[in-house]
Amino acid sequence: MRAMKDQWSMKFKGLKLYLAIIIVTLILILYTSGQVYIVTLEKNIIESRKEHAILKTQIDNLTIEVASLRKGSRIIKFAQVYLDMTVPEGAPKKLF
C-alpha cells in the first residue's frame, strides 16, 4: 500500500512539474507577443508622425497658395485678360 502511495506521489510531482513548465511557457509567450505588439505600435506612431509632418507642410503651402490666389491684383488681371472686363472708374482701389 505504501509503495502504491509513493508511486502516486511521484506521478503527481511529475504532473506538477509539467504543469509548471506549461504555465511558465504560456507566460513567456504572452509576454513576447505583448512586446512584439508594442514594437508594432511604436512603428505605426513613428509613421503617423512623419505623415503628419508632411501633411502639415502641404497645408501650409496650400494656405499660402490660397492667399496668393485671393489677391485683388490677380483677380483684376484675370478679369481683364480672360474675360475682357475693365475696372470701372470710381471703383475701390483695394478689393480684398
PDB file of N, CA and C in Angstrom:
ATOM      1  N   MET A   1       0.819  -1.180   0.000  1.00  0.00           N
ATOM      2  CA  MET A   1       0.000   0.000   0.000  1.00  0.00           C
ATOM      3  C   MET A   1       0.880   1.267   0.000  1.00  0.00           C
ATOM      4  N   ARG A   2       1.914   1.221   0.801  1.00  0.00           N
ATOM      5  CA  ARG A   2       2.828   2.363   0.899  1.00  0.00           C
ATOM      6  C   ARG A   2       3.538   2.590  -0.430  1.00  0.00           C
ATOM      7  N   ALA A   3       3.923   1.529  -1.118  1.00  0.00           N
ATOM      8  CA  ALA A   3       4.618   1.641  -2.400  1.00  0.00           C
ATOM      9  C   ALA A   3       3.693   2.266  -3.434  1.00  0.00           C
ATOM     10  N   MET A   4       2.422   1.923  -3.395  1.00  0.00           N
ATOM     11  CA  MET A   4       1.460   2.480  -4.328  1.00  0.00           C
ATOM     12  C   MET A   4       1.265   3.974  -4.077  1.00  0.00           C
ATOM     13  N   LYS A   5       1.258   4.324  -2.807  1.00  0.00           N
ATOM     14  CA  LYS A   5       1.099   5.723  -2.454  1.00  0.00           C
ATOM     15  C   LYS A   5       2.311   6.530  -2.920  1.00  0.00           C
ATOM     16  N   ASP A   6       3.506   5.952  -2.792  1.00  0.00           N
ATOM     17  CA  ASP A   6       4.722   6.616  -3.253  1.00  0.00           C
ATOM     18  C   ASP A   6       4.702   6.784  -4.777  1.00  0.00           C
ATOM     19  N   GLN A   7       4.176   5.803  -5.505  1.00  0.00           N
ATOM     20  CA  GLN A   7       4.073   5.906  -6.964  1.00  0.00           C
ATOM     21  C   GLN A   7       3.158   7.063  -7.355  1.00  0.00           C
ATOM     22  N   TRP A   8       2.033   7.169  -6.656  1.00  0.00           N
ATOM     23  CA  TRP A   8       1.090   8.248  -6.961  1.00  0.00           C
ATOM     24  C   TRP A   8       1.690   9.611  -6.641  1.00  0.00           C
ATOM     25  N   SER A   9       2.436   9.675  -5.552  1.00  0.00           N
ATOM     26  CA  SER A   9       3.034  10.962  -5.194  1.00  0.00           C
ATOM     27  C   SER A   9       4.123  11.351  -6.199  1.00  0.00           C
ATOM     28  N   MET A  10       4.847  10.353  -6.727  1.00  0.00           N
ATOM     29  CA  MET A  10       5.857  10.633  -7.747  1.00  0.00           C
ATOM     30  C   MET A  10       5.188  11.105  -9.039  1.00  0.00           C
ATOM     31  N   LYS A  11       4.102  10.445  -9.431  1.00  0.00           N
ATOM     32  CA  LYS A  11       3.388  10.853 -10.638  1.00  0.00           C
ATOM     33  C   LYS A  11       2.817  12.261 -10.457  1.00  0.00           C
ATOM     34  N   PHE A  12       2.296  12.523  -9.276  1.00  0.00           N
ATOM     35  CA  PHE A  12       1.715  13.829  -9.011  1.00  0.00           C
ATOM     36  C   PHE A  12       2.787  14.916  -9.066  1.00  0.00           C
ATOM     37  N   LYS A  13       3.975  14.623  -8.520  1.00  0.00           N
ATOM     38  CA  LYS A  13       5.086  15.576  -8.584  1.00  0.00           C
ATOM     39  C   LYS A  13       5.506  15.814 -10.029  1.00  0.00           C
ATOM     40  N   GLY A  14       5.521  14.760 -10.832  1.00  0.00           N
ATOM     41  CA  GLY A  14       5.862  14.906 -12.247  1.00  0.00           C
ATOM     42  C   GLY A  14       4.832  15.751 -12.977  1.00  0.00           C
ATOM     43  N   LEU A  15       3.556  15.532 -12.659  1.00  0.00           N
ATOM     44  CA  LEU A  15       2.500  16.318 -13.284  1.00  0.00           C
ATOM     45  C   LEU A  15       2.602  17.785 -12.859  1.00  0.00           C
ATOM     46  N   LYS A  16       2.942  18.016 -11.601  1.00  0.00           N
ATOM     47  CA  LYS A  16       3.106  19.394 -11.134  1.00  0.00           C
ATOM     48  C   LYS A  16       4.239  20.087 -11.889  1.00  0.00           C
ATOM     49  N   LEU A  17       5.316  19.348 -12.124  1.00  0.00           N
ATOM     50  CA  LEU A  17       6.448  19.910 -12.847  1.00  0.00           C
ATOM     51  C   LEU A  17       6.049  20.254 -14.285  1.00  0.00           C
ATOM     52  N   TYR A  18       5.352  19.334 -14.966  1.00  0.00           N
ATOM     53  CA  TYR A  18       4.901  19.603 -16.337  1.00  0.00           C
ATOM     54  C   TYR A  18       3.940  20.783 -16.379  1.00  0.00           C
ATOM     55  N   LEU A  19       3.049  20.832 -15.406  1.00  0.00           N
ATOM     56  CA  LEU A  19       2.096  21.932 -15.342  1.00  0.00           C
ATOM     57  C   LEU A  19       2.821  23.256 -15.123  1.00  0.00           C
ATOM     58  N   ALA A  20       3.804  23.274 -14.265  1.00  0.00           N
ATOM     59  CA  ALA A  20       4.582  24.489 -14.008  1.00  0.00           C
ATOM     60  C   ALA A  20       5.329  24.918 -15.272  1.00  0.00           C
ATOM     61  N   ILE A  21       5.899  23.970 -15.994  1.00  0.00           N
ATOM     62  CA  ILE A  21       6.615  24.284 -17.234  1.00  0.00           C
ATOM     63  C   ILE A  21       5.649  24.869 -18.265  1.00  0.00           C
ATOM     64  N   ILE A  22       4.483  24.287 -18.379  1.00  0.00           N
ATOM     65  CA  ILE A  22       3.485  24.779 -19.335  1.00  0.00           C
ATOM     66  C   ILE A  22       3.042  26.193 -18.969  1.00  0.00           C
ATOM     67  N   ILE A  23       2.808  26.439 -17.698  1.00  0.00           N
ATOM     68  CA  ILE A  23       2.377  27.776 -17.259  1.00  0.00           C
ATOM     69  C   ILE A  23       3.464  28.814 -17.534  1.00  0.00           C
ATOM     70  N   VAL A  24       4.704  28.481 -17.198  1.00  0.00           N
ATOM     71  CA  VAL A  24       5.811  29.416 -17.444  1.00  0.00           C
ATOM     72  C   VAL A  24       5.955  29.677 -18.938  1.00  0.00           C
ATOM     73  N   THR A  25       5.828  28.639 -19.754  1.00  0.00           N
ATOM     74  CA  THR A  25       5.923  28.795 -21.209  1.00  0.00           C
ATOM     75  C   THR A  25       4.822  29.709 -21.729  1.00  0.00           C
ATOM     76  N   LEU A  26       3.605  29.517 -21.251  1.00  0.00           N
ATOM     77  CA  LEU A  26       2.493  30.370 -21.680  1.00  0.00           C
ATOM     78  C   LEU A  26       2.722  31.824 -21.272  1.00  0.00           C
ATOM     79  N   ILE A  27       3.229  32.039 -20.078  1.00  0.00           N
ATOM     80  CA  ILE A  27       3.509  33.400 -19.620  1.00  0.00           C
ATOM     81  C   ILE A  27       4.570  34.050 -20.507  1.00  0.00           C
ATOM     82  N   LEU A  28       5.616  33.311 -20.839  1.00  0.00           N
ATOM     83  CA  LEU A  28       6.667  33.857 -21.696  1.00  0.00           C
ATOM     84  C   LEU A  28       6.145  34.157 -23.104  1.00  0.00           C
ATOM     85  N   ILE A  29       5.283  33.294 -23.618  1.00  0.00           N
ATOM     86  CA  ILE A  29       4.692  33.536 -24.943  1.00  0.00           C
ATOM     87  C   ILE A  29       3.843  34.802 -24.914  1.00  0.00           C
ATOM     88  N   LEU A  30       3.031  34.960 -23.879  1.00  0.00           N
ATOM     89  CA  LEU A  30       2.199  36.163 -23.764  1.00  0.00           C
ATOM     90  C   LEU A  30       3.054  37.418 -23.632  1.00  0.00           C
ATOM     91  N   TYR A  31       4.101  37.342 -22.859  1.00  0.00           N
ATOM     92  CA  TYR A  31       4.995  38.487 -22.685  1.00  0.00           C
ATOM     93  C   TYR A  31       5.655  38.869 -24.004  1.00  0.00           C
ATOM     94  N   THR A  32       6.151  37.866 -24.730  1.00  0.00           N
ATOM     95  CA  THR A  32       6.819  38.115 -26.013  1.00  0.00           C
ATOM     96  C   THR A  32       5.847  38.706 -27.027  1.00  0.00           C
ATOM     97  N   SER A  33       4.653  38.162 -27.091  1.00  0.00           N
ATOM     98  CA  SER A  33       3.681  38.700 -28.044  1.00  0.00           C
ATOM     99  C   SER A  33       3.296  40.130 -27.666  1.00  0.00           C
ATOM    100  N   GLY A  34       3.236  40.434 -26.396  1.00  0.00           N
ATOM    101  CA  GLY A  34       2.976  41.803 -25.958  1.00  0.00           C
ATOM    102  C   GLY A  34       4.087  42.753 -26.381  1.00  0.00           C
ATOM    103  N   GLN A  35       5.315  42.313 -26.255  1.00  0.00           N
ATOM    104  CA  GLN A  35       6.446  43.135 -26.675  1.00  0.00           C
ATOM    105  C   GLN A  35       6.435  43.377 -28.183  1.00  0.00           C
ATOM    106  N   VAL A  36       6.114  42.349 -28.945  1.00  0.00           N
ATOM    107  CA  VAL A  36       6.027  42.489 -30.401  1.00  0.00           C
ATOM    108  C   VAL A  36       4.928  43.491 -30.757  1.00  0.00           C
ATOM    109  N   TYR A  37       3.801  43.417 -30.067  1.00  0.00           N
ATOM    110  CA  TYR A  37       2.689  44.338 -30.312  1.00  0.00           C
ATOM    111  C   TYR A  37       3.106  45.777 -30.004  1.00  0.00           C
ATOM    112  N   ILE A  38       3.848  45.976 -28.927  1.00  0.00           N
ATOM    113  CA  ILE A  38       4.316  47.311 -28.551  1.00  0.00           C
ATOM    114  C   ILE A  38       5.260  47.862 -29.607  1.00  0.00           C
ATOM    115  N   VAL A  39       6.155  47.045 -30.107  1.00  0.00           N
ATOM    116  CA  VAL A  39       7.087  47.494 -31.149  1.00  0.00           C
ATOM    117  C   VAL A  39       6.321  47.862 -32.419  1.00  0.00           C
ATOM    118  N   THR A  40       5.314  47.083 -32.767  1.00  0.00           N
ATOM    119  CA  THR A  40       4.491  47.384 -33.938  1.00  0.00           C
ATOM    120  C   THR A  40       3.770  48.717 -33.756  1.00  0.00           C
ATOM    121  N   LEU A  41       3.222  48.942 -32.583  1.00  0.00           N
ATOM    122  CA  LEU A  41       2.556  50.221 -32.310  1.00  0.00           C
ATOM    123  C   LEU A  41       3.536  51.385 -32.398  1.00  0.00           C
ATOM    124  N   GLU A  42       4.742  51.174 -31.915  1.00  0.00           N
ATOM    125  CA  GLU A  42       5.750  52.230 -31.968  1.00  0.00           C
ATOM    126  C   GLU A  42       6.078  52.586 -33.417  1.00  0.00           C
ATOM    127  N   LYS A  43       6.209  51.582 -34.274  1.00  0.00           N
ATOM    128  CA  LYS A  43       6.471  51.844 -35.701  1.00  0.00           C
ATOM    129  C   LYS A  43       5.307  52.605 -36.319  1.00  0.00           C
ATOM    130  N   ASN A  44       4.080  52.237 -35.981  1.00  0.00           N
ATOM    131  CA  ASN A  44       2.911  52.941 -36.511  1.00  0.00           C
ATOM    132  C   ASN A  44       2.884  54.393 -36.058  1.00  0.00           C
ATOM    133  N   ILE A  45       3.256  54.640 -34.819  1.00  0.00           N
ATOM    134  CA  ILE A  45       3.288  56.006 -34.300  1.00  0.00           C
ATOM    135  C   ILE A  45       4.332  56.826 -35.046  1.00  0.00           C
ATOM    136  N   ILE A  46       5.493  56.262 -35.274  1.00  0.00           N
ATOM    137  CA  ILE A  46       6.555  56.980 -35.993  1.00  0.00           C
ATOM    138  C   ILE A  46       6.104  57.312 -37.410  1.00  0.00           C
ATOM    139  N   GLU A  47       5.485  56.343 -38.098  1.00  0.00           N
ATOM    140  CA  GLU A  47       4.995  56.588 -39.453  1.00  0.00           C
ATOM    141  C   GLU A  47       3.903  57.654 -39.455  1.00  0.00           C
ATOM    142  N   SER A  48       3.025  57.622 -38.464  1.00  0.00           N
ATOM    143  CA  SER A  48       1.953  58.613 -38.382  1.00  0.00           C
ATOM    144  C   SER A  48       2.512  60.008 -38.135  1.00  0.00           C
ATOM    145  N   ARG A  49       3.536  60.121 -37.325  1.00  0.00           N
ATOM    146  CA  ARG A  49       4.159  61.422 -37.080  1.00  0.00           C
ATOM    147  C   ARG A  49       4.809  61.971 -38.348  1.00  0.00           C
ATOM    148  N   LYS A  50       5.463  61.092 -39.113  1.00  0.00           N
ATOM    149  CA  LYS A  50       6.069  61.536 -40.379  1.00  0.00           C
ATOM    150  C   LYS A  50       4.986  62.013 -41.340  1.00  0.00           C
ATOM    151  N   GLU A  51       3.919  61.244 -41.455  1.00  0.00           N
ATOM    152  CA  GLU A  51       2.817  61.621 -42.332  1.00  0.00           C
ATOM    153  C   GLU A  51       2.182  62.934 -41.875  1.00  0.00           C
ATOM    154  N   HIS A  52       2.052  63.116 -40.568  1.00  0.00           N
ATOM    155  CA  HIS A  52       1.502  64.351 -40.021  1.00  0.00           C
ATOM    156  C   HIS A  52       2.367  65.540 -40.411  1.00  0.00           C
ATOM    157  N   ALA A  53       3.676  65.399 -40.323  1.00  0.00           N
ATOM    158  CA  ALA A  53       4.583  66.489 -40.689  1.00  0.00           C
ATOM    159  C   ALA A  53       4.451  66.829 -42.172  1.00  0.00           C
ATOM    160  N   ILE A  54       4.349  65.812 -43.008  1.00  0.00           N
ATOM    161  CA  ILE A  54       4.200  66.040 -44.453  1.00  0.00           C
ATOM    162  C   ILE A  54       2.887  66.755 -44.737  1.00  0.00           C
ATOM    163  N   LEU A  55       1.813  66.295 -44.114  1.00  0.00           N
ATOM    164  CA  LEU A  55       0.506  66.916 -44.337  1.00  0.00           C
ATOM    165  C   LEU A  55       0.474  68.356 -43.821  1.00  0.00           C
ATOM    166  N   LYS A  56       1.135  68.602 -42.714  1.00  0.00           N
ATOM    167  CA  LYS A  56       1.178  69.966 -42.185  1.00  0.00           C
ATOM    168  C   LYS A  56       1.908  70.891 -43.150  1.00  0.00           C
ATOM    169  N   THR A  57       2.997  70.424 -43.731  1.00  0.00           N
ATOM    170  CA  THR A  57       3.736  71.210 -44.716  1.00  0.00           C
ATOM    171  C   THR A  57       2.858  71.484 -45.944  1.00  0.00           C
ATOM    172  N   GLN A  58       2.143  70.464 -46.398  1.00  0.00           N
ATOM    173  CA  GLN A  58       1.253  70.649 -47.545  1.00  0.00           C
ATOM    174  C   GLN A  58       0.151  71.658 -47.234  1.00  0.00           C
ATOM    175  N   ILE A  59      -0.410  71.592 -46.040  1.00  0.00           N
ATOM    176  CA  ILE A  59      -1.453  72.543 -45.646  1.00  0.00           C
ATOM    177  C   ILE A  59      -0.901  73.968 -45.627  1.00  0.00           C
ATOM    178  N   ASP A  60       0.304  74.139 -45.094  1.00  0.00           N
ATOM    179  CA  ASP A  60       0.919  75.462 -45.070  1.00  0.00           C
ATOM    180  C   ASP A  60       1.122  75.993 -46.491  1.00  0.00           C
ATOM    181  N   ASN A  61       1.620  75.131 -47.383  1.00  0.00           N
ATOM    182  CA  ASN A  61       1.838  75.541 -48.775  1.00  0.00           C
ATOM    183  C   ASN A  61       0.518  75.900 -49.458  1.00  0.00           C
ATOM    184  N   LEU A  62      -0.520  75.121 -49.218  1.00  0.00           N
ATOM    185  CA  LEU A  62      -1.816  75.404 -49.823  1.00  0.00           C
ATOM    186  C   LEU A  62      -2.437  76.684 -49.259  1.00  0.00           C
ATOM    187  N   THR A  63      -2.216  76.941 -47.985  1.00  0.00           N
ATOM    188  CA  THR A  63      -2.715  78.178 -47.386  1.00  0.00           C
ATOM    189  C   THR A  63      -2.056  79.389 -48.041  1.00  0.00           C
ATOM    190  N   ILE A  64      -0.762  79.295 -48.276  1.00  0.00           N
ATOM    191  CA  ILE A  64      -0.044  80.378 -48.954  1.00  0.00           C
ATOM    192  C   ILE A  64      -0.568  80.543 -50.379  1.00  0.00           C
ATOM    193  N   GLU A  65      -0.800  79.427 -51.063  1.00  0.00           N
ATOM    194  CA  GLU A  65      -1.311  79.484 -52.428  1.00  0.00           C
ATOM    195  C   GLU A  65      -2.708  80.109 -52.470  1.00  0.00           C
ATOM    196  N   VAL A  66      -3.566  79.761 -51.533  1.00  0.00           N
ATOM    197  CA  VAL A  66      -4.910  80.346 -51.474  1.00  0.00           C
ATOM    198  C   VAL A  66      -4.817  81.849 -51.251  1.00  0.00           C
ATOM    199  N   ALA A  67      -3.927  82.261 -50.371  1.00  0.00           N
ATOM    200  CA  ALA A  67      -3.766  83.696 -50.108  1.00  0.00           C
ATOM    201  C   ALA A  67      -3.310  84.432 -51.357  1.00  0.00           C
ATOM    202  N   SER A  68      -2.396  83.818 -52.109  1.00  0.00           N
ATOM    203  CA  SER A  68      -1.926  84.481 -53.332  1.00  0.00           C
ATOM    204  C   SER A  68      -3.015  84.505 -54.402  1.00  0.00           C
ATOM    205  N   LEU A  69      -3.873  83.493 -54.438  1.00  0.00           N
ATOM    206  CA  LEU A  69      -4.955  83.469 -55.427  1.00  0.00           C
ATOM    207  C   LEU A  69      -6.064  84.462 -55.084  1.00  0.00           C
ATOM    208  N   ARG A  70      -6.172  84.853 -53.852  1.00  0.00           N
ATOM    209  CA  ARG A  70      -7.206  85.798 -53.435  1.00  0.00           C
ATOM    210  C   ARG A  70      -6.791  87.252 -53.587  1.00  0.00           C
ATOM    211  N   LYS A  71      -5.581  87.503 -54.035  1.00  0.00           N
ATOM    212  CA  LYS A  71      -5.116  88.877 -54.181  1.00  0.00           C
ATOM    213  C   LYS A  71      -5.992  89.606 -55.194  1.00  0.00           C
ATOM    214  N   GLY A  72      -6.309  90.857 -54.876  1.00  0.00           N
ATOM    215  CA  GLY A  72      -7.144  91.655 -55.756  1.00  0.00           C
ATOM    216  C   GLY A  72      -6.490  91.916 -57.100  1.00  0.00           C
ATOM    217  N   SER A  73      -5.172  92.144 -57.097  1.00  0.00           N
ATOM    218  CA  SER A  73      -4.485  92.424 -58.358  1.00  0.00           C
ATOM    219  C   SER A  73      -4.556  91.225 -59.301  1.00  0.00           C
ATOM    220  N   ARG A  74      -4.491  90.040 -58.764  1.00  0.00           N
ATOM    221  CA  ARG A  74      -4.588  88.842 -59.591  1.00  0.00           C
ATOM    222  C   ARG A  74      -5.990  88.712 -60.175  1.00  0.00           C
ATOM    223  N   ILE A  75      -7.003  88.996 -59.358  1.00  0.00           N
ATOM    224  CA  ILE A  75      -8.385  88.898 -59.831  1.00  0.00           C
ATOM    225  C   ILE A  75      -8.639  89.925 -60.931  1.00  0.00           C
ATOM    226  N   ILE A  76      -8.141  91.146 -60.741  1.00  0.00           N
ATOM    227  CA  ILE A  76      -8.312  92.187 -61.762  1.00  0.00           C
ATOM    228  C   ILE A  76      -7.619  91.784 -63.055  1.00  0.00           C
ATOM    229  N   LYS A  77      -6.397  91.270 -62.943  1.00  0.00           N
ATOM    230  CA  LYS A  77      -5.652  90.857 -64.138  1.00  0.00           C
ATOM    231  C   LYS A  77      -6.381  89.724 -64.853  1.00  0.00           C
ATOM    232  N   PHE A  78      -6.885  88.757 -64.119  1.00  0.00           N
ATOM    233  CA  PHE A  78      -7.621  87.642 -64.720  1.00  0.00           C
ATOM    234  C   PHE A  78      -8.869  88.154 -65.441  1.00  0.00           C
ATOM    235  N   ALA A  79      -9.594  89.070 -64.789  1.00  0.00           N
ATOM    236  CA  ALA A  79     -10.815  89.611 -65.394  1.00  0.00           C
ATOM    237  C   ALA A  79     -10.496  90.392 -66.667  1.00  0.00           C
ATOM    238  N   GLN A  80      -9.398  91.128 -66.667  1.00  0.00           N
ATOM    239  CA  GLN A  80      -9.034  91.921 -67.844  1.00  0.00           C
ATOM    240  C   GLN A  80      -8.543  91.043 -68.986  1.00  0.00           C
ATOM    241  N   VAL A  81      -7.710  90.043 -68.686  1.00  0.00           N
ATOM    242  CA  VAL A  81      -7.099  89.224 -69.735  1.00  0.00           C
ATOM    243  C   VAL A  81      -8.073  88.177 -70.278  1.00  0.00           C
ATOM    244  N   TYR A  82      -8.714  87.437 -69.422  1.00  0.00           N
ATOM    245  CA  TYR A  82      -9.515  86.300 -69.874  1.00  0.00           C
ATOM    246  C   TYR A  82     -10.993  86.637 -70.091  1.00  0.00           C
ATOM    247  N   LEU A  83     -11.498  87.639 -69.408  1.00  0.00           N
ATOM    248  CA  LEU A  83     -12.921  87.953 -69.504  1.00  0.00           C
ATOM    249  C   LEU A  83     -13.190  89.272 -70.214  1.00  0.00           C
ATOM    250  N   ASP A  84     -12.124  89.934 -70.642  1.00  0.00           N
ATOM    251  CA  ASP A  84     -12.227  91.229 -71.328  1.00  0.00           C
ATOM    252  C   ASP A  84     -13.040  92.234 -70.522  1.00  0.00           C
ATOM    253  N   MET A  85     -12.827  92.264 -69.244  1.00  0.00           N
ATOM    254  CA  MET A  85     -13.518  93.215 -68.376  1.00  0.00           C
ATOM    255  C   MET A  85     -12.575  94.373 -68.070  1.00  0.00           C
ATOM    256  N   THR A  86     -13.141  95.496 -67.712  1.00  0.00           N
ATOM    257  CA  THR A  86     -12.335  96.644 -67.310  1.00  0.00           C
ATOM    258  C   THR A  86     -12.784  97.085 -65.921  1.00  0.00           C
ATOM    259  N   VAL A  87     -11.893  97.765 -65.253  1.00  0.00           N
ATOM    260  CA  VAL A  87     -12.204  98.274 -63.921  1.00  0.00           C
ATOM    261  C   VAL A  87     -12.950  99.592 -64.109  1.00  0.00           C
ATOM    262  N   PRO A  88     -14.134  99.701 -63.572  1.00  0.00           N
ATOM    263  CA  PRO A  88     -14.874 100.951 -63.740  1.00  0.00           C
ATOM    264  C   PRO A  88     -14.218 102.100 -62.959  1.00  0.00           C
ATOM    265  N   GLU A  89     -14.477 103.287 -63.455  1.00  0.00           N
ATOM    266  CA  GLU A  89     -13.923 104.457 -62.747  1.00  0.00           C
ATOM    267  C   GLU A  89     -14.681 104.644 -61.451  1.00  0.00           C
ATOM    268  N   GLY A  90     -13.955 105.046 -60.457  1.00  0.00           N
ATOM    269  CA  GLY A  90     -14.575 105.235 -59.155  1.00  0.00           C
ATOM    270  C   GLY A  90     -14.636 103.954 -58.339  1.00  0.00           C
ATOM    271  N   ALA A  91     -14.091 102.879 -58.879  1.00  0.00           N
ATOM    272  CA  ALA A  91     -14.082 101.593 -58.161  1.00  0.00           C
ATOM    273  C   ALA A  91     -13.074 101.673 -57.025  1.00  0.00           C
ATOM    274  N   PRO A  92     -13.307 100.954 -55.983  1.00  0.00           N
ATOM    275  CA  PRO A  92     -12.328 100.971 -54.875  1.00  0.00           C
ATOM    276  C   PRO A  92     -10.986 100.419 -55.345  1.00  0.00           C
ATOM    277  N   LYS A  93      -9.923 100.985 -54.812  1.00  0.00           N
ATOM    278  CA  LYS A  93      -8.575 100.552 -55.192  1.00  0.00           C
ATOM    279  C   LYS A  93      -8.211  99.221 -54.556  1.00  0.00           C
ATOM    280  N   LYS A  94      -8.741  98.968 -53.387  1.00  0.00           N
ATOM    281  CA  LYS A  94      -8.416  97.731 -52.668  1.00  0.00           C
ATOM    282  C   LYS A  94      -9.658  96.857 -52.629  1.00  0.00           C
ATOM    283  N   LEU A  95      -9.569  95.696 -53.256  1.00  0.00           N
ATOM    284  CA  LEU A  95     -10.731  94.806 -53.302  1.00  0.00           C
ATOM    285  C   LEU A  95     -10.828  93.902 -52.069  1.00  0.00           C
ATOM    286  N   PHE A  96      -9.697  93.359 -51.672  1.00  0.00           N
ATOM    287  CA  PHE A  96      -9.710  92.419 -50.549  1.00  0.00           C
ATOM    288  C   PHE A  96      -8.670  92.799 -49.555  1.00  0.00           C
TER     289      PHE A  96
END
